[in-house]
Protein backbone atom coordinates (compact mmCIF):
# COMPACT_ATOMS: atom_id res chain seq x y z
CA UNK A 1 0.00 0.00 0.00
CA UNK A 2 3.07 2.16 0.32
CA UNK A 3 2.16 5.84 0.44
CA UNK A 4 -1.58 5.13 0.36
CA UNK A 5 -1.54 3.08 3.57
CA UNK A 6 -2.95 5.67 5.95
CA UNK A 7 -5.69 6.66 3.51
CA UNK A 8 -6.53 3.00 2.91
CA UNK A 9 -6.90 2.24 6.62
CA UNK A 10 -9.02 5.33 7.20
CA UNK A 11 -11.32 4.53 4.29
CA UNK A 12 -11.63 0.89 5.33
CA UNK A 13 -12.35 1.78 8.95
CA UNK A 14 -15.06 4.26 7.97
CA UNK A 15 -16.66 1.92 5.42
CA UNK A 16 -16.08 -1.51 6.89
CA UNK A 17 -19.82 -2.20 6.96
CA UNK A 18 -19.86 -1.92 3.13
CA UNK A 19 -17.21 -4.58 2.49
CA UNK A 20 -17.96 -8.29 2.84
CA UNK A 21 -14.19 -8.88 2.89
CA UNK A 22 -11.16 -8.34 0.74
CA UNK A 23 -7.65 -9.26 -0.29
CA UNK A 24 -4.68 -6.93 -0.38
CA UNK A 25 -2.87 -7.70 -3.61
CA UNK A 26 0.89 -8.26 -3.82
CA UNK A 27 1.57 -7.36 -0.18
CA UNK A 28 5.07 -5.97 0.43
CA UNK A 29 4.59 -3.79 3.50
CA UNK A 30 5.68 -4.01 7.13
CA UNK A 31 4.61 -6.19 10.04
CA UNK A 32 2.79 -3.18 11.46
CA UNK A 33 0.81 -2.80 8.23
CA UNK A 34 0.13 -6.53 8.23
CA UNK A 35 -1.24 -6.34 11.77
CA UNK A 36 -3.45 -3.40 10.84
CA UNK A 37 -4.85 -5.30 7.87
CA UNK A 38 -5.47 -8.39 9.97
CA UNK A 39 -7.42 -6.27 12.45
CA UNK A 40 -10.12 -6.16 9.75
CA UNK A 41 -11.86 -9.46 10.41
CA UNK A 42 -12.47 -10.49 6.79
CA UNK A 43 -9.31 -9.11 5.19
CA UNK A 44 -6.86 -11.52 3.61
CA UNK A 45 -3.28 -10.85 2.55
CA UNK A 46 -2.18 -11.86 -0.95
CA UNK A 47 1.44 -12.71 -1.66
CA UNK A 48 3.40 -13.48 -4.82
CA UNK A 49 7.03 -13.26 -5.94
CA UNK A 50 7.09 -9.52 -5.28
CA UNK A 51 6.21 -10.26 -1.66
CA UNK A 52 9.39 -12.34 -1.30
CA UNK A 53 12.04 -9.93 -2.61
CA UNK A 54 13.90 -9.14 0.61
CA UNK A 55 14.70 -10.89 3.87
CA UNK A 56 12.46 -8.33 5.56
CA UNK A 57 9.61 -9.33 3.24
CA UNK A 58 10.18 -12.98 4.13
CA UNK A 59 9.89 -12.22 7.84
CA UNK A 60 6.62 -10.38 7.31
CA UNK A 61 5.16 -13.18 5.17
CA UNK A 62 6.15 -15.75 7.82
CA UNK A 63 3.94 -13.85 10.26
CA UNK A 64 0.78 -14.03 8.17
CA UNK A 65 -1.63 -16.59 9.66
CA UNK A 66 -2.16 -19.35 7.08
CA UNK A 67 -5.94 -18.99 7.35
CA UNK A 68 -5.63 -15.35 6.20
CA UNK A 69 -3.04 -15.96 3.45
CA UNK A 70 -3.80 -15.98 -0.28
CA UNK A 71 -1.14 -17.19 -2.71
CA UNK A 72 -1.50 -15.25 -5.93
CA UNK A 73 -1.05 -16.99 -9.26
CA UNK A 74 -2.73 -14.36 -11.41
CA UNK A 75 0.08 -11.83 -11.46
CA UNK A 76 2.08 -12.53 -14.61
CA UNK A 77 5.04 -10.35 -13.74
CA UNK A 78 5.35 -11.23 -10.06
CA UNK A 79 7.13 -14.55 -10.11
CA UNK A 80 10.00 -15.46 -7.80
CA UNK A 81 13.25 -14.59 -9.56
CA UNK A 82 16.84 -15.47 -8.67
CA UNK A 83 17.59 -12.04 -7.19
CA UNK A 84 14.75 -12.35 -4.63
CA UNK A 85 15.54 -13.49 -1.11
CA UNK A 86 12.75 -16.06 -1.43
CA UNK A 87 14.44 -17.79 -4.39
CA UNK A 88 16.60 -19.83 -2.00
CA UNK A 89 13.49 -21.76 -0.99
CA UNK A 90 12.34 -22.66 -4.51
CA UNK A 91 12.81 -26.39 -4.98
CA UNK A 92 11.17 -26.95 -8.35
CA UNK A 93 12.50 -25.80 -11.70
CA UNK A 94 10.22 -25.82 -14.70
CA UNK A 95 11.42 -25.47 -18.29
CA UNK A 96 10.32 -22.11 -19.65
CA UNK A 97 10.41 -20.40 -23.01
CA UNK A 98 9.46 -17.00 -24.35
CA UNK A 99 5.81 -16.93 -25.36
CA UNK A 100 6.79 -16.76 -29.04
CA UNK A 101 8.62 -20.09 -28.69
CA UNK A 102 6.12 -21.80 -26.38
CA UNK A 103 5.90 -25.59 -26.45
CA UNK A 104 3.40 -27.75 -24.53
CA UNK A 105 6.08 -29.22 -22.22
CA UNK A 106 7.22 -25.81 -20.95
CA UNK A 107 5.90 -22.77 -19.15
CA UNK A 108 5.88 -19.24 -20.56
CA UNK A 109 8.88 -17.32 -19.26
CA UNK A 110 7.90 -14.48 -16.94
CA UNK A 111 4.33 -15.66 -16.51
CA UNK A 112 3.20 -16.94 -13.14
CA UNK A 113 1.83 -20.31 -14.26
CA UNK A 114 -0.55 -22.28 -11.99
CA UNK A 115 2.02 -25.08 -11.61
CA UNK A 116 4.36 -22.56 -9.95
CA UNK A 117 2.09 -22.23 -6.90
CA UNK A 118 4.15 -25.02 -5.34
CA UNK A 119 7.12 -22.60 -5.23
CA UNK A 120 5.38 -20.87 -2.36
């Protein structure tokens, strides 16, 4: 939520009765922000490769209760890449090719394919 965090919390607090629930997409903020989000009873936290870039991000993600965690597979440019701190935990390697050279036995490079959910 970055710079919009305070506004987001204020709007959510004032309008909570209007929202049946929600998911924060591509969460990369602090433990404090995580705790504030989790104070909203039906708010879930979505994570993807962008959420695992730094060691600090990893610590925050470790603190998200599993029952409030959403693993995002719909974000085509948010996969876990070798420069991310989270890459050390990736155990599976899938063959990938640029979309122009796609073949059925490979994934599309740079696209967060459903089979990659196991990386989380």
